[in-house]
Amino acid sequence: MREKLGFIGLGQMGRHCAANMLKKLGALTVYDPNDNAVQELVGQGAERAWSATELAQKSDMVFFCVPNIEVVEELLFGPNGMGKAIRPGLMFVDLSTCDFVKTKEVAAKVEALGADFLDSPISGMEARAKSGELSLMCGGKEEIFKKVFPYLEAIGISILYMGGHGLGQFSKTVNNILYNINMAGLAEILPYAVKMGLEPEKVGQFINAGTGRSYASEYFIPRILDGDFSYGFTMESAYKDMKSACEESARSRIPTPVLHAAMTTYQMALLNGYGNDYKGGMIKVYEKLLGVEFRKKRNQGNAD
């Protein structure tokens, strides 16, 4: 028998995930403080819950897609959260990107109440959320993963079980910090190339045609050349991944010099006021330092 599904968090990624679940699985109850987001899903056939508690009462499996672990905790244990609706057999699936240490703590509290918890952060841009082609990395009890797996297929094409609680989140952190390290490298070297006299567009062409290319270079270089930094999640919002990774490496006494170097670039971008930019905005730190811009010719500036 199919589980009754609930979904909380209808933001940039969540609304597409919820829409795909509704389209492919046929029924879904949704809740979000943003009435417009709820109305959009109701218009597609979803049932509306007027509170997190009501949604939990109507669901066997509740999916979260919210900004951070603090919001997850508030929804689960806060005064206006699910509270007494948490019961044995209820399953929570967290699609958010959250701190992996705190995720383990939340999972333990949920299980102490008799319910189950699976951390299953999603990876991919908004376009992949819309097409239902996300990647998911899952942590928790394997038997719960197997129960949830058929429902995750509505939103993802790469769905991996990574191990115990928190390891889904840690896997997402590993992916994100590698992406950030790539971007920090581009931020440092691309202005250096311009300072030495190379033309930005030609630099972008040879990098993305050569061995120096990466997913980050292919995605970011065209957008940096256009001066477009407004897409995706902001650096301010995404900073938690780098922070968690650096804290854990310190706790575990694991040397991560490249990670910490990238973290320095990330922090300089935030301190310079670029926190509302997407990660490509890291390049502004070195552009400012060197007095150049990595842009197409019509926008090229040089402050020498």
C-alpha atoms as a PDB file:
ATOM      1  CA  MET A   1       0.000   0.000   0.000  1.00  0.00           C
ATOM      2  CA  ARG A   2       1.321   3.433  -0.947  1.00  0.00           C
ATOM      3  CA  GLU A   3       2.364   5.747   1.888  1.00  0.00           C
ATOM      4  CA  LYS A   4       0.545   9.053   2.381  1.00  0.00           C
ATOM      5  CA  LEU A   5       3.070  11.773   1.592  1.00  0.00           C
ATOM      6  CA  GLY A   6       3.611  15.231   3.046  1.00  0.00           C
ATOM      7  CA  PHE A   7       6.010  17.950   1.883  1.00  0.00           C
ATOM      8  CA  ILE A   8       7.304  20.991   3.780  1.00  0.00           C
ATOM      9  CA  GLY A   9       9.393  23.696   2.098  1.00  0.00           C
ATOM     10  CA  LEU A  10       8.249  24.966  -1.308  1.00  0.00           C
ATOM     11  CA  GLY A  11      11.186  27.214  -2.142  1.00  0.00           C
ATOM     12  CA  GLN A  12      13.436  27.324  -5.197  1.00  0.00           C
ATOM     13  CA  MET A  13      14.155  23.582  -5.182  1.00  0.00           C
ATOM     14  CA  GLY A  14      11.372  22.233  -2.993  1.00  0.00           C
ATOM     15  CA  ARG A  15       8.499  23.413  -5.142  1.00  0.00           C
ATOM     16  CA  HIS A  16       9.842  21.463  -8.119  1.00  0.00           C
ATOM     17  CA  CYS A  17      10.451  18.358  -6.015  1.00  0.00           C
ATOM     18  CA  ALA A  18       6.915  18.557  -4.629  1.00  0.00           C
ATOM     19  CA  ALA A  19       5.467  19.087  -8.112  1.00  0.00           C
ATOM     20  CA  ASN A  20       7.277  16.018  -9.438  1.00  0.00           C
ATOM     21  CA  MET A  21       6.112  13.891  -6.513  1.00  0.00           C
ATOM     22  CA  LEU A  22       2.547  15.044  -7.087  1.00  0.00           C
ATOM     23  CA  LYS A  23       2.743  14.399 -10.827  1.00  0.00           C
ATOM     24  CA  LYS A  24       4.388  10.982 -10.592  1.00  0.00           C
ATOM     25  CA  LEU A  25       2.884   9.628  -7.375  1.00  0.00           C
ATOM     26  CA  GLY A  26      -0.600  11.077  -7.620  1.00  0.00           C
ATOM     27  CA  ALA A  27      -1.215  12.588  -4.175  1.00  0.00           C
ATOM     28  CA  LEU A  28       0.606  14.951  -1.830  1.00  0.00           C
ATOM     29  CA  THR A  29      -0.165  17.174   1.161  1.00  0.00           C
ATOM     30  CA  VAL A  30       1.908  20.369   1.332  1.00  0.00           C
ATOM     31  CA  TYR A  31       2.696  23.053   3.894  1.00  0.00           C
ATOM     32  CA  ASP A  32       4.702  26.262   3.651  1.00  0.00           C
ATOM     33  CA  PRO A  33       4.405  29.706   5.296  1.00  0.00           C
ATOM     34  CA  ASN A  34       4.468  31.188   1.767  1.00  0.00           C
ATOM     35  CA  ASP A  35       0.833  31.126   0.682  1.00  0.00           C
ATOM     36  CA  ASN A  36       1.679  31.729  -2.991  1.00  0.00           C
ATOM     37  CA  ALA A  37       3.908  28.663  -3.070  1.00  0.00           C
ATOM     38  CA  VAL A  38       1.175  26.551  -1.490  1.00  0.00           C
ATOM     39  CA  GLN A  39      -1.452  27.855  -3.914  1.00  0.00           C
ATOM     40  CA  GLU A  40       0.777  26.913  -6.853  1.00  0.00           C
ATOM     41  CA  LEU A  41       0.869  23.274  -5.677  1.00  0.00           C
ATOM     42  CA  VAL A  42      -2.812  23.232  -4.735  1.00  0.00           C
ATOM     43  CA  GLY A  43      -3.525  24.400  -8.276  1.00  0.00           C
ATOM     44  CA  GLN A  44      -1.728  21.270  -9.491  1.00  0.00           C
ATOM     45  CA  GLY A  45      -3.850  19.016  -7.293  1.00  0.00           C
ATOM     46  CA  ALA A  46      -2.062  18.931  -3.929  1.00  0.00           C
ATOM     47  CA  GLU A  47      -3.945  18.995  -0.623  1.00  0.00           C
ATOM     48  CA  ARG A  48      -3.175  21.872   1.691  1.00  0.00           C
ATOM     49  CA  ALA A  49      -2.216  21.533   5.363  1.00  0.00           C
ATOM     50  CA  TRP A  50      -2.599  24.674   7.484  1.00  0.00           C
ATOM     51  CA  SER A  51       0.203  23.756   9.895  1.00  0.00           C
ATOM     52  CA  ALA A  52       3.175  21.443  10.232  1.00  0.00           C
ATOM     53  CA  THR A  53       1.238  19.486  12.847  1.00  0.00           C
ATOM     54  CA  GLU A  54      -1.717  18.929  10.520  1.00  0.00           C
ATOM     55  CA  LEU A  55       0.609  17.815   7.746  1.00  0.00           C
ATOM     56  CA  ALA A  56       2.277  15.233  10.019  1.00  0.00           C
ATOM     57  CA  GLN A  57      -1.100  13.954  11.152  1.00  0.00           C
ATOM     58  CA  LYS A  58      -2.154  13.368   7.552  1.00  0.00           C
ATOM     59  CA  SER A  59       1.134  11.780   6.409  1.00  0.00           C
ATOM     60  CA  ASP A  60       3.055   8.541   6.751  1.00  0.00           C
ATOM     61  CA  MET A  61       6.179  10.066   5.207  1.00  0.00           C
ATOM     62  CA  VAL A  62       7.144  13.758   5.507  1.00  0.00           C
ATOM     63  CA  PHE A  63       9.728  15.369   3.225  1.00  0.00           C
ATOM     64  CA  PHE A  64      11.605  18.544   4.202  1.00  0.00           C
ATOM     65  CA  CYS A  65      13.323  20.961   1.829  1.00  0.00           C
ATOM     66  CA  VAL A  66      14.222  23.926   4.048  1.00  0.00           C
ATOM     67  CA  PRO A  67      17.199  26.298   4.472  1.00  0.00           C
ATOM     68  CA  ASN A  68      19.050  24.670   7.388  1.00  0.00           C
ATOM     69  CA  ILE A  69      18.994  22.255  10.326  1.00  0.00           C
ATOM     70  CA  GLU A  70      17.645  24.935  12.659  1.00  0.00           C
ATOM     71  CA  VAL A  71      14.451  25.107  10.586  1.00  0.00           C
ATOM     72  CA  VAL A  72      14.232  21.301  10.612  1.00  0.00           C
ATOM     73  CA  GLU A  73      14.537  21.323  14.421  1.00  0.00           C
ATOM     74  CA  GLU A  74      11.895  24.040  14.749  1.00  0.00           C
ATOM     75  CA  LEU A  75       9.467  22.114  12.534  1.00  0.00           C
ATOM     76  CA  LEU A  76      10.032  18.899  14.444  1.00  0.00           C
ATOM     77  CA  PHE A  77      10.361  20.056  18.028  1.00  0.00           C
ATOM     78  CA  GLY A  78       9.393  23.748  18.178  1.00  0.00           C
ATOM     79  CA  PRO A  79       6.260  25.117  19.861  1.00  0.00           C
ATOM     80  CA  ASN A  80       4.441  25.346  16.518  1.00  0.00           C
ATOM     81  CA  GLY A  81       6.010  22.205  15.092  1.00  0.00           C
ATOM     82  CA  MET A  82       4.868  18.644  14.734  1.00  0.00           C
ATOM     83  CA  GLY A  83       5.121  17.844  18.419  1.00  0.00           C
ATOM     84  CA  LYS A  84       2.563  15.266  19.452  1.00  0.00           C
ATOM     85  CA  ALA A  85       1.947  14.272  15.827  1.00  0.00           C
ATOM     86  CA  ILE A  86       5.317  12.467  15.841  1.00  0.00           C
ATOM     87  CA  ARG A  87       4.493   8.794  16.325  1.00  0.00           C
ATOM     88  CA  PRO A  88       5.871   5.301  15.699  1.00  0.00           C
ATOM     89  CA  GLY A  89       5.960   4.469  12.014  1.00  0.00           C
ATOM     90  CA  LEU A  90       6.104   8.085  10.814  1.00  0.00           C
ATOM     91  CA  MET A  91       9.087   8.657   8.506  1.00  0.00           C
ATOM     92  CA  PHE A  92      10.907  11.959   8.005  1.00  0.00           C
ATOM     93  CA  VAL A  93      13.073  12.537   4.922  1.00  0.00           C
ATOM     94  CA  ASP A  94      15.282  15.629   4.947  1.00  0.00           C
ATOM     95  CA  LEU A  95      16.135  16.801   1.420  1.00  0.00           C
ATOM     96  CA  SER A  96      17.773  19.966   2.781  1.00  0.00           C
ATOM     97  CA  THR A  97      21.501  20.612   2.978  1.00  0.00           C
ATOM     98  CA  CYS A  98      22.266  20.596   6.703  1.00  0.00           C
ATOM     99  CA  ASP A  99      25.083  20.250   9.212  1.00  0.00           C
ATOM    100  CA  PHE A 100      25.882  16.546   9.402  1.00  0.00           C
ATOM    101  CA  VAL A 101      26.742  16.515  13.119  1.00  0.00           C
ATOM    102  CA  LYS A 102      23.471  18.187  14.100  1.00  0.00           C
ATOM    103  CA  THR A 103      21.628  15.885  11.696  1.00  0.00           C
ATOM    104  CA  LYS A 104      22.765  12.895  13.731  1.00  0.00           C
ATOM    105  CA  GLU A 105      21.451  14.568  16.881  1.00  0.00           C
ATOM    106  CA  VAL A 106      18.073  15.288  15.273  1.00  0.00           C
ATOM    107  CA  ALA A 107      17.815  11.710  13.995  1.00  0.00           C
ATOM    108  CA  ALA A 108      18.475  10.361  17.495  1.00  0.00           C
ATOM    109  CA  LYS A 109      15.731  12.577  18.985  1.00  0.00           C
ATOM    110  CA  VAL A 110      13.247  11.518  16.309  1.00  0.00           C
ATOM    111  CA  GLU A 111      14.004   7.837  16.836  1.00  0.00           C
ATOM    112  CA  ALA A 112      13.622   8.259  20.601  1.00  0.00           C
ATOM    113  CA  LEU A 113      10.005   9.249  19.841  1.00  0.00           C
ATOM    114  CA  GLY A 114       9.510   6.081  17.801  1.00  0.00           C
ATOM    115  CA  ALA A 115       9.625   7.676  14.339  1.00  0.00           C
ATOM    116  CA  ASP A 116      12.294   7.278  11.636  1.00  0.00           C
ATOM    117  CA  PHE A 117      14.620   9.787   9.976  1.00  0.00           C
ATOM    118  CA  LEU A 118      16.559   9.710   6.704  1.00  0.00           C
ATOM    119  CA  ASP A 119      18.922  12.496   5.651  1.00  0.00           C
ATOM    120  CA  SER A 120      18.758  12.684   1.880  1.00  0.00           C
ATOM    121  CA  PRO A 121      20.185  16.003   0.627  1.00  0.00           C
ATOM    122  CA  ILE A 122      19.591  16.836  -3.012  1.00  0.00           C
ATOM    123  CA  SER A 123      22.303  17.972  -5.417  1.00  0.00           C
ATOM    124  CA  GLY A 124      21.764  19.726  -8.724  1.00  0.00           C
ATOM    125  CA  MET A 125      20.671  23.081 -10.042  1.00  0.00           C
ATOM    126  CA  GLU A 126      17.067  24.282 -10.243  1.00  0.00           C
ATOM    127  CA  ALA A 127      16.780  22.961 -13.803  1.00  0.00           C
ATOM    128  CA  ARG A 128      17.510  19.434 -12.589  1.00  0.00           C
ATOM    129  CA  ALA A 129      15.026  19.817  -9.745  1.00  0.00           C
ATOM    130  CA  LYS A 130      12.398  20.808 -12.314  1.00  0.00           C
ATOM    131  CA  SER A 131      13.177  17.862 -14.591  1.00  0.00           C
ATOM    132  CA  GLY A 132      13.340  15.374 -11.709  1.00  0.00           C
ATOM    133  CA  GLU A 133      16.982  14.527 -12.383  1.00  0.00           C
ATOM    134  CA  LEU A 134      18.599  15.349  -9.048  1.00  0.00           C
ATOM    135  CA  SER A 135      21.292  13.385  -7.249  1.00  0.00           C
ATOM    136  CA  LEU A 136      20.531  12.234  -3.699  1.00  0.00           C
ATOM    137  CA  MET A 137      22.858  10.886  -1.018  1.00  0.00           C
ATOM    138  CA  CYS A 138      21.082   9.139   1.850  1.00  0.00           C
ATOM    139  CA  GLY A 139      22.036   8.439   5.467  1.00  0.00           C
ATOM    140  CA  GLY A 140      20.094   6.461   8.051  1.00  0.00           C
ATOM    141  CA  LYS A 141      18.840   2.929   8.567  1.00  0.00           C
ATOM    142  CA  GLU A 142      19.094   0.910   5.376  1.00  0.00           C
ATOM    143  CA  GLU A 143      15.617  -0.562   5.791  1.00  0.00           C
ATOM    144  CA  ILE A 144      14.167   2.969   5.915  1.00  0.00           C
ATOM    145  CA  PHE A 145      16.162   3.912   2.826  1.00  0.00           C
ATOM    146  CA  LYS A 146      14.621   0.956   0.989  1.00  0.00           C
ATOM    147  CA  LYS A 147      11.125   2.079   1.974  1.00  0.00           C
ATOM    148  CA  VAL A 148      11.760   5.657   0.875  1.00  0.00           C
ATOM    149  CA  PHE A 149      13.657   4.812  -2.326  1.00  0.00           C
ATOM    150  CA  PRO A 150      10.604   4.413  -4.640  1.00  0.00           C
ATOM    151  CA  TYR A 151       9.404   7.886  -3.656  1.00  0.00           C
ATOM    152  CA  LEU A 152      12.824   9.456  -4.159  1.00  0.00           C
ATOM    153  CA  GLU A 153      12.773   8.137  -7.724  1.00  0.00           C
ATOM    154  CA  ALA A 154      10.128  10.792  -8.439  1.00  0.00           C
ATOM    155  CA  ILE A 155      12.746  13.531  -7.993  1.00  0.00           C
ATOM    156  CA  GLY A 156      16.140  11.953  -8.689  1.00  0.00           C
ATOM    157  CA  ILE A 157      18.084   9.766 -11.091  1.00  0.00           C
ATOM    158  CA  SER A 158      21.129   9.060  -8.898  1.00  0.00           C
ATOM    159  CA  ILE A 159      20.057   7.853  -5.444  1.00  0.00           C
ATOM    160  CA  LEU A 160      22.765   6.374  -3.242  1.00  0.00           C
ATOM    161  CA  TYR A 161      22.702   4.885   0.243  1.00  0.00           C
ATOM    162  CA  MET A 162      25.816   6.188   1.997  1.00  0.00           C
ATOM    163  CA  GLY A 163      25.494   4.628   5.479  1.00  0.00           C
ATOM    164  CA  GLY A 164      24.284   5.723   8.906  1.00  0.00           C
ATOM    165  CA  HIS A 165      22.664   8.963  10.041  1.00  0.00           C
ATOM    166  CA  GLY A 166      24.497  12.090   8.874  1.00  0.00           C
ATOM    167  CA  LEU A 167      26.487  10.370   6.131  1.00  0.00           C
ATOM    168  CA  GLY A 168      24.079  11.558   3.454  1.00  0.00           C
ATOM    169  CA  GLN A 169      24.685  15.113   4.608  1.00  0.00           C
ATOM    170  CA  PHE A 170      28.423  14.570   4.874  1.00  0.00           C
ATOM    171  CA  SER A 171      28.466  13.199   1.320  1.00  0.00           C
ATOM    172  CA  LYS A 172      26.736  16.365   0.117  1.00  0.00           C
ATOM    173  CA  THR A 173      29.284  18.424   2.049  1.00  0.00           C
ATOM    174  CA  VAL A 174      32.153  16.597   0.304  1.00  0.00           C
ATOM    175  CA  ASN A 175      30.576  17.339  -3.079  1.00  0.00           C
ATOM    176  CA  ASN A 176      29.995  20.998  -2.227  1.00  0.00           C
ATOM    177  CA  ILE A 177      33.452  21.711  -0.838  1.00  0.00           C
ATOM    178  CA  LEU A 178      35.087  20.208  -3.940  1.00  0.00           C
ATOM    179  CA  TYR A 179      32.881  22.496  -6.036  1.00  0.00           C
ATOM    180  CA  ASN A 180      33.837  25.467  -3.842  1.00  0.00           C
ATOM    181  CA  ILE A 181      37.535  24.609  -4.061  1.00  0.00           C
ATOM    182  CA  ASN A 182      37.239  24.592  -7.853  1.00  0.00           C
ATOM    183  CA  MET A 183      35.538  27.992  -7.791  1.00  0.00           C
ATOM    184  CA  ALA A 184      38.093  29.446  -5.377  1.00  0.00           C
ATOM    185  CA  GLY A 185      40.844  28.329  -7.759  1.00  0.00           C
ATOM    186  CA  LEU A 186      39.114  29.989 -10.704  1.00  0.00           C
ATOM    187  CA  ALA A 187      38.573  33.154  -8.654  1.00  0.00           C
ATOM    188  CA  GLU A 188      42.291  33.416  -7.972  1.00  0.00           C
ATOM    189  CA  ILE A 189      43.755  32.413 -11.334  1.00  0.00           C
ATOM    190  CA  LEU A 190      41.410  34.039 -13.872  1.00  0.00           C
ATOM    191  CA  PRO A 191      42.166  37.636 -12.744  1.00  0.00           C
ATOM    192  CA  TYR A 192      45.855  36.692 -12.575  1.00  0.00           C
ATOM    193  CA  ALA A 193      45.655  35.685 -16.257  1.00  0.00           C
ATOM    194  CA  VAL A 194      44.035  39.014 -17.171  1.00  0.00           C
ATOM    195  CA  LYS A 195      46.611  40.953 -15.150  1.00  0.00           C
ATOM    196  CA  MET A 196      49.348  39.287 -17.178  1.00  0.00           C
ATOM    197  CA  GLY A 197      47.758  40.472 -20.432  1.00  0.00           C
ATOM    198  CA  LEU A 198      45.508  37.613 -21.572  1.00  0.00           C
ATOM    199  CA  GLU A 199      42.023  38.309 -22.937  1.00  0.00           C
ATOM    200  CA  PRO A 200      39.233  36.942 -20.708  1.00  0.00           C
ATOM    201  CA  GLU A 201      37.150  35.332 -23.462  1.00  0.00           C
ATOM    202  CA  LYS A 202      40.164  33.526 -24.906  1.00  0.00           C
ATOM    203  CA  VAL A 203      41.181  32.358 -21.425  1.00  0.00           C
ATOM    204  CA  GLY A 204      37.698  30.912 -20.956  1.00  0.00           C
ATOM    205  CA  GLN A 205      37.867  29.175 -24.338  1.00  0.00           C
ATOM    206  CA  PHE A 206      41.185  27.443 -23.794  1.00  0.00           C
ATOM    207  CA  ILE A 207      40.428  26.438 -20.204  1.00  0.00           C
ATOM    208  CA  ASN A 208      37.106  24.847 -21.095  1.00  0.00           C
ATOM    209  CA  ALA A 209      38.677  23.080 -24.071  1.00  0.00           C
ATOM    210  CA  GLY A 210      41.703  21.835 -22.139  1.00  0.00           C
ATOM    211  CA  THR A 211      42.743  19.763 -19.158  1.00  0.00           C
ATOM    212  CA  GLY A 212      42.120  22.646 -16.738  1.00  0.00           C
ATOM    213  CA  ARG A 213      38.372  22.491 -17.273  1.00  0.00           C
ATOM    214  CA  SER A 214      35.907  21.321 -14.629  1.00  0.00           C
ATOM    215  CA  TYR A 215      32.162  21.447 -14.075  1.00  0.00           C
ATOM    216  CA  ALA A 216      32.789  24.670 -12.155  1.00  0.00           C
ATOM    217  CA  SER A 217      34.737  26.255 -15.018  1.00  0.00           C
ATOM    218  CA  GLU A 218      32.169  25.189 -17.620  1.00  0.00           C
ATOM    219  CA  TYR A 219      29.325  26.561 -15.515  1.00  0.00           C
ATOM    220  CA  PHE A 220      30.864  29.695 -14.044  1.00  0.00           C
ATOM    221  CA  ILE A 221      33.205  31.128 -16.694  1.00  0.00           C
ATOM    222  CA  PRO A 222      30.454  32.043 -19.216  1.00  0.00           C
ATOM    223  CA  ARG A 223      28.425  33.668 -16.437  1.00  0.00           C
ATOM    224  CA  ILE A 224      31.410  35.573 -15.030  1.00  0.00           C
ATOM    225  CA  LEU A 225      32.213  36.844 -18.521  1.00  0.00           C
ATOM    226  CA  ASP A 226      28.638  38.173 -18.697  1.00  0.00           C
ATOM    227  CA  GLY A 227      28.919  39.714 -15.213  1.00  0.00           C
ATOM    228  CA  ASP A 228      26.053  37.510 -14.007  1.00  0.00           C
ATOM    229  CA  PHE A 229      26.317  36.600 -10.317  1.00  0.00           C
ATOM    230  CA  SER A 230      22.647  36.531  -9.331  1.00  0.00           C
ATOM    231  CA  TYR A 231      21.725  32.889 -10.036  1.00  0.00           C
ATOM    232  CA  GLY A 232      21.460  29.953  -7.627  1.00  0.00           C
ATOM    233  CA  PHE A 233      22.040  29.922  -3.865  1.00  0.00           C
ATOM    234  CA  THR A 234      23.930  32.853  -2.421  1.00  0.00           C
ATOM    235  CA  MET A 235      27.361  32.447  -0.840  1.00  0.00           C
ATOM    236  CA  GLU A 236      25.881  33.625   2.445  1.00  0.00           C
ATOM    237  CA  SER A 237      23.384  30.754   2.360  1.00  0.00           C
ATOM    238  CA  ALA A 238      25.915  28.168   1.203  1.00  0.00           C
ATOM    239  CA  TYR A 239      28.642  29.135   3.698  1.00  0.00           C
ATOM    240  CA  LYS A 240      27.435  26.464   6.145  1.00  0.00           C
ATOM    241  CA  ASP A 241      28.983  23.668   4.039  1.00  0.00           C
ATOM    242  CA  MET A 242      32.477  25.121   4.226  1.00  0.00           C
ATOM    243  CA  LYS A 243      32.073  25.955   7.897  1.00  0.00           C
ATOM    244  CA  SER A 244      30.941  22.411   8.787  1.00  0.00           C
ATOM    245  CA  ALA A 245      33.776  20.811   6.839  1.00  0.00           C
ATOM    246  CA  CYS A 246      36.452  23.013   8.392  1.00  0.00           C
ATOM    247  CA  GLU A 247      35.087  22.453  11.896  1.00  0.00           C
ATOM    248  CA  GLU A 248      35.006  18.692  11.426  1.00  0.00           C
ATOM    249  CA  SER A 249      38.563  18.573  10.056  1.00  0.00           C
ATOM    250  CA  ALA A 250      39.689  20.499  13.151  1.00  0.00           C
ATOM    251  CA  ARG A 251      37.772  18.176  15.488  1.00  0.00           C
ATOM    252  CA  SER A 252      39.172  15.087  13.789  1.00  0.00           C
ATOM    253  CA  ARG A 253      42.693  16.541  13.424  1.00  0.00           C
ATOM    254  CA  ILE A 254      42.613  15.869   9.685  1.00  0.00           C
ATOM    255  CA  PRO A 255      44.866  18.258   7.710  1.00  0.00           C
ATOM    256  CA  THR A 256      42.966  19.959   4.870  1.00  0.00           C
ATOM    257  CA  PRO A 257      45.190  22.807   3.639  1.00  0.00           C
ATOM    258  CA  VAL A 258      43.471  23.228   0.250  1.00  0.00           C
ATOM    259  CA  LEU A 259      40.050  23.299   1.889  1.00  0.00           C
ATOM    260  CA  HIS A 260      41.205  25.999   4.311  1.00  0.00           C
ATOM    261  CA  ALA A 261      42.761  28.037   1.502  1.00  0.00           C
ATOM    262  CA  ALA A 262      39.443  27.944  -0.363  1.00  0.00           C
ATOM    263  CA  MET A 263      37.679  28.873   2.870  1.00  0.00           C
ATOM    264  CA  THR A 264      39.866  31.978   3.097  1.00  0.00           C
ATOM    265  CA  THR A 265      38.756  33.091  -0.377  1.00  0.00           C
ATOM    266  CA  TYR A 266      35.138  32.366   0.555  1.00  0.00           C
ATOM    267  CA  GLN A 267      35.429  34.427   3.748  1.00  0.00           C
ATOM    268  CA  MET A 268      37.111  37.307   1.928  1.00  0.00           C
ATOM    269  CA  ALA A 269      34.164  37.376  -0.496  1.00  0.00           C
ATOM    270  CA  LEU A 270      31.712  37.561   2.393  1.00  0.00           C
ATOM    271  CA  LEU A 271      33.727  40.250   4.206  1.00  0.00           C
ATOM    272  CA  ASN A 272      33.842  42.320   1.013  1.00  0.00           C
ATOM    273  CA  GLY A 273      30.053  42.332   0.821  1.00  0.00           C
ATOM    274  CA  TYR A 274      29.554  39.745  -1.919  1.00  0.00           C
ATOM    275  CA  GLY A 275      27.466  37.368   0.188  1.00  0.00           C
ATOM    276  CA  ASN A 276      24.341  37.863  -1.944  1.00  0.00           C
ATOM    277  CA  ASP A 277      26.186  36.701  -5.067  1.00  0.00           C
ATOM    278  CA  TYR A 278      26.387  33.113  -6.195  1.00  0.00           C
ATOM    279  CA  LYS A 279      29.780  31.399  -5.888  1.00  0.00           C
ATOM    280  CA  GLY A 280      31.112  32.985  -9.062  1.00  0.00           C
ATOM    281  CA  GLY A 281      31.182  36.208  -7.061  1.00  0.00           C
ATOM    282  CA  MET A 282      34.364  34.980  -5.332  1.00  0.00           C
ATOM    283  CA  ILE A 283      36.242  36.276  -8.362  1.00  0.00           C
ATOM    284  CA  LYS A 284      35.451  39.869  -7.353  1.00  0.00           C
ATOM    285  CA  VAL A 285      37.897  39.537  -4.435  1.00  0.00           C
ATOM    286  CA  TYR A 286      40.886  39.084  -6.744  1.00  0.00           C
ATOM    287  CA  GLU A 287      39.551  41.404  -9.430  1.00  0.00           C
ATOM    288  CA  LYS A 288      39.460  44.153  -6.820  1.00  0.00           C
ATOM    289  CA  LEU A 289      42.894  43.230  -5.512  1.00  0.00           C
ATOM    290  CA  LEU A 290      44.509  43.208  -8.976  1.00  0.00           C
ATOM    291  CA  GLY A 291      42.486  46.050 -10.503  1.00  0.00           C
ATOM    292  CA  VAL A 292      41.127  44.001 -13.405  1.00  0.00           C
ATOM    293  CA  GLU A 293      37.858  42.373 -14.464  1.00  0.00           C
ATOM    294  CA  PHE A 294      37.310  39.027 -16.114  1.00  0.00           C
ATOM    295  CA  ARG A 295      34.530  40.092 -18.522  1.00  0.00           C
ATOM    296  CA  LYS A 296      33.701  40.206 -22.186  1.00  0.00           C
ATOM    297  CA  LYS A 297      35.363  43.060 -24.049  1.00  0.00           C
ATOM    298  CA  ARG A 298      32.366  45.390 -23.927  1.00  0.00           C
ATOM    299  CA  ASN A 299      32.507  45.277 -20.096  1.00  0.00           C
ATOM    300  CA  GLN A 300      36.259  44.978 -19.648  1.00  0.00           C
ATOM    301  CA  GLY A 301      37.638  47.347 -17.042  1.00  0.00           C
ATOM    302  CA  ASN A 302      41.212  47.823 -15.938  1.00  0.00           C
ATOM    303  CA  ALA A 303      42.031  50.040 -12.998  1.00  0.00           C
ATOM    304  CA  ASP A 304      45.804  50.039 -13.511  1.00  0.00           C
END
